[in-house]
């Protein structure tokens, strides 16, 4: 059996809406390059942030 990676070894990104960092998830394995937002809530709020600027 393969060794598990520790959470600190996983890639991270910064969410442009809330500014928090988020870590790679298994469900994002195929589309990690396309993931921009940390959550569904931030994805929905992206237009509100752009309208305020």
N, C-alpha and C. Protein backbone atom coordinates (compact mmCIF):
# COMPACT_ATOMS: atom_id res chain seq x y z
N UNK A 1 0.83 -1.18 0.00
CA UNK A 1 0.00 0.00 0.00
C UNK A 1 0.88 1.25 0.00
N UNK A 2 0.47 2.28 -0.76
CA UNK A 2 1.25 3.51 -0.88
C UNK A 2 1.14 4.35 0.39
N UNK A 3 2.21 5.08 0.65
CA UNK A 3 2.19 6.00 1.80
C UNK A 3 1.29 7.19 1.50
N UNK A 4 0.56 7.62 2.49
CA UNK A 4 -0.28 8.79 2.33
C UNK A 4 0.55 10.05 2.43
N UNK A 5 0.16 11.06 1.68
CA UNK A 5 0.81 12.36 1.77
C UNK A 5 0.31 13.09 3.00
N UNK A 6 1.18 13.86 3.60
CA UNK A 6 0.69 14.68 4.70
C UNK A 6 0.01 15.91 4.12
N UNK A 7 -0.89 16.50 4.85
CA UNK A 7 -1.67 17.63 4.35
C UNK A 7 -0.78 18.81 3.96
N UNK A 8 0.33 18.98 4.65
CA UNK A 8 1.23 20.09 4.34
C UNK A 8 1.96 19.91 3.01
N UNK A 9 1.99 18.70 2.46
CA UNK A 9 2.65 18.44 1.18
C UNK A 9 1.74 18.69 -0.01
N UNK A 10 0.44 18.89 0.22
CA UNK A 10 -0.50 19.09 -0.86
C UNK A 10 -0.41 20.52 -1.41
N UNK A 11 -0.69 20.69 -2.70
CA UNK A 11 -0.64 22.05 -3.27
C UNK A 11 -1.76 22.93 -2.72
N UNK A 12 -1.51 24.22 -2.68
CA UNK A 12 -2.51 25.17 -2.18
C UNK A 12 -2.68 26.32 -3.17
N UNK A 13 -3.79 27.02 -3.05
CA UNK A 13 -4.08 28.22 -3.83
C UNK A 13 -4.74 29.23 -2.90
N UNK A 14 -4.81 30.47 -3.36
CA UNK A 14 -5.47 31.54 -2.62
C UNK A 14 -6.78 31.88 -3.34
N UNK A 15 -7.86 31.92 -2.60
CA UNK A 15 -9.17 32.25 -3.15
C UNK A 15 -9.23 33.75 -3.43
N UNK A 16 -9.58 34.17 -4.66
CA UNK A 16 -9.62 35.60 -4.97
C UNK A 16 -10.77 36.35 -4.29
N UNK A 17 -11.78 35.65 -3.81
CA UNK A 17 -12.94 36.29 -3.19
C UNK A 17 -12.69 36.57 -1.71
N UNK A 18 -12.33 35.52 -0.97
CA UNK A 18 -12.17 35.68 0.49
C UNK A 18 -10.72 35.84 0.92
N UNK A 19 -9.77 35.53 0.04
CA UNK A 19 -8.35 35.70 0.36
C UNK A 19 -7.75 34.59 1.20
N UNK A 20 -8.51 33.56 1.49
CA UNK A 20 -7.99 32.43 2.28
C UNK A 20 -7.30 31.43 1.38
N UNK A 21 -6.37 30.69 1.95
CA UNK A 21 -5.73 29.63 1.17
C UNK A 21 -6.56 28.36 1.31
N UNK A 22 -6.57 27.57 0.25
CA UNK A 22 -7.26 26.29 0.29
C UNK A 22 -6.38 25.22 -0.33
N UNK A 23 -6.58 24.00 0.10
CA UNK A 23 -5.72 22.88 -0.24
C UNK A 23 -6.39 21.97 -1.26
N UNK A 24 -5.57 21.33 -2.05
CA UNK A 24 -6.01 20.35 -3.04
C UNK A 24 -6.91 19.31 -2.41
N UNK A 25 -7.97 18.93 -3.13
CA UNK A 25 -8.88 17.87 -2.68
C UNK A 25 -8.92 16.79 -3.75
N UNK A 26 -9.21 15.59 -3.32
CA UNK A 26 -9.23 14.47 -4.25
C UNK A 26 -10.26 14.68 -5.36
N UNK A 27 -11.39 15.30 -5.05
CA UNK A 27 -12.41 15.51 -6.08
C UNK A 27 -11.96 16.51 -7.13
N UNK A 28 -10.91 17.30 -6.84
CA UNK A 28 -10.36 18.24 -7.80
C UNK A 28 -9.16 17.66 -8.55
N UNK A 29 -8.91 16.38 -8.44
CA UNK A 29 -7.71 15.78 -9.03
C UNK A 29 -7.61 16.03 -10.53
N UNK A 30 -8.71 15.94 -11.24
CA UNK A 30 -8.68 16.09 -12.70
C UNK A 30 -8.74 17.55 -13.16
N UNK A 31 -9.21 18.44 -12.30
CA UNK A 31 -9.43 19.83 -12.73
C UNK A 31 -8.75 20.86 -11.82
N UNK A 32 -7.68 20.49 -11.13
CA UNK A 32 -7.02 21.39 -10.19
C UNK A 32 -6.59 22.70 -10.85
N UNK A 33 -6.15 22.65 -12.10
CA UNK A 33 -5.73 23.87 -12.79
C UNK A 33 -6.89 24.83 -13.02
N UNK A 34 -8.10 24.31 -13.10
CA UNK A 34 -9.27 25.14 -13.35
C UNK A 34 -9.93 25.66 -12.07
N UNK A 35 -9.59 25.10 -10.93
CA UNK A 35 -10.21 25.49 -9.66
C UNK A 35 -9.69 26.88 -9.25
N UNK A 36 -10.62 27.80 -8.98
CA UNK A 36 -10.24 29.16 -8.61
C UNK A 36 -10.76 29.55 -7.23
N UNK A 37 -11.87 28.98 -6.83
CA UNK A 37 -12.54 29.40 -5.60
C UNK A 37 -12.51 28.28 -4.56
N UNK A 38 -12.45 28.65 -3.29
CA UNK A 38 -12.32 27.67 -2.22
C UNK A 38 -13.63 26.94 -1.93
N UNK A 39 -14.76 27.55 -2.29
CA UNK A 39 -16.04 26.96 -1.96
C UNK A 39 -17.11 27.41 -2.96
N UNK A 40 -18.23 26.76 -2.90
CA UNK A 40 -19.37 27.13 -3.73
C UNK A 40 -19.85 28.54 -3.36
N UNK A 41 -19.79 28.86 -2.10
CA UNK A 41 -20.21 30.19 -1.65
C UNK A 41 -19.36 31.29 -2.28
N UNK A 42 -18.05 31.10 -2.31
CA UNK A 42 -17.16 32.09 -2.93
C UNK A 42 -17.38 32.14 -4.44
N UNK A 43 -17.65 31.01 -5.05
CA UNK A 43 -17.90 30.99 -6.49
C UNK A 43 -19.15 31.82 -6.82
N UNK A 44 -20.18 31.70 -5.98
CA UNK A 44 -21.41 32.47 -6.19
C UNK A 44 -21.20 33.96 -5.90
N UNK A 45 -20.31 34.29 -4.98
CA UNK A 45 -20.09 35.69 -4.59
C UNK A 45 -19.12 36.41 -5.52
N UNK A 46 -18.52 35.73 -6.48
CA UNK A 46 -17.51 36.35 -7.33
C UNK A 46 -18.06 37.56 -8.08
N UNK A 47 -19.30 37.51 -8.53
CA UNK A 47 -19.87 38.65 -9.27
C UNK A 47 -20.12 39.83 -8.34
N UNK A 48 -20.47 39.59 -7.10
CA UNK A 48 -20.70 40.67 -6.14
C UNK A 48 -19.40 41.43 -5.87
N UNK A 49 -18.31 40.71 -5.79
CA UNK A 49 -17.01 41.32 -5.53
C UNK A 49 -16.60 42.17 -6.72
N UNK A 50 -16.82 41.69 -7.94
CA UNK A 50 -16.45 42.44 -9.13
C UNK A 50 -17.32 43.69 -9.28
N UNK A 51 -18.59 43.62 -8.93
CA UNK A 51 -19.49 44.77 -9.03
C UNK A 51 -19.11 45.88 -8.06
N UNK A 52 -18.58 45.51 -6.89
CA UNK A 52 -18.21 46.51 -5.88
C UNK A 52 -16.94 47.27 -6.24
N UNK A 53 -16.10 46.71 -7.07
CA UNK A 53 -14.81 47.35 -7.43
C UNK A 53 -14.96 48.33 -8.55
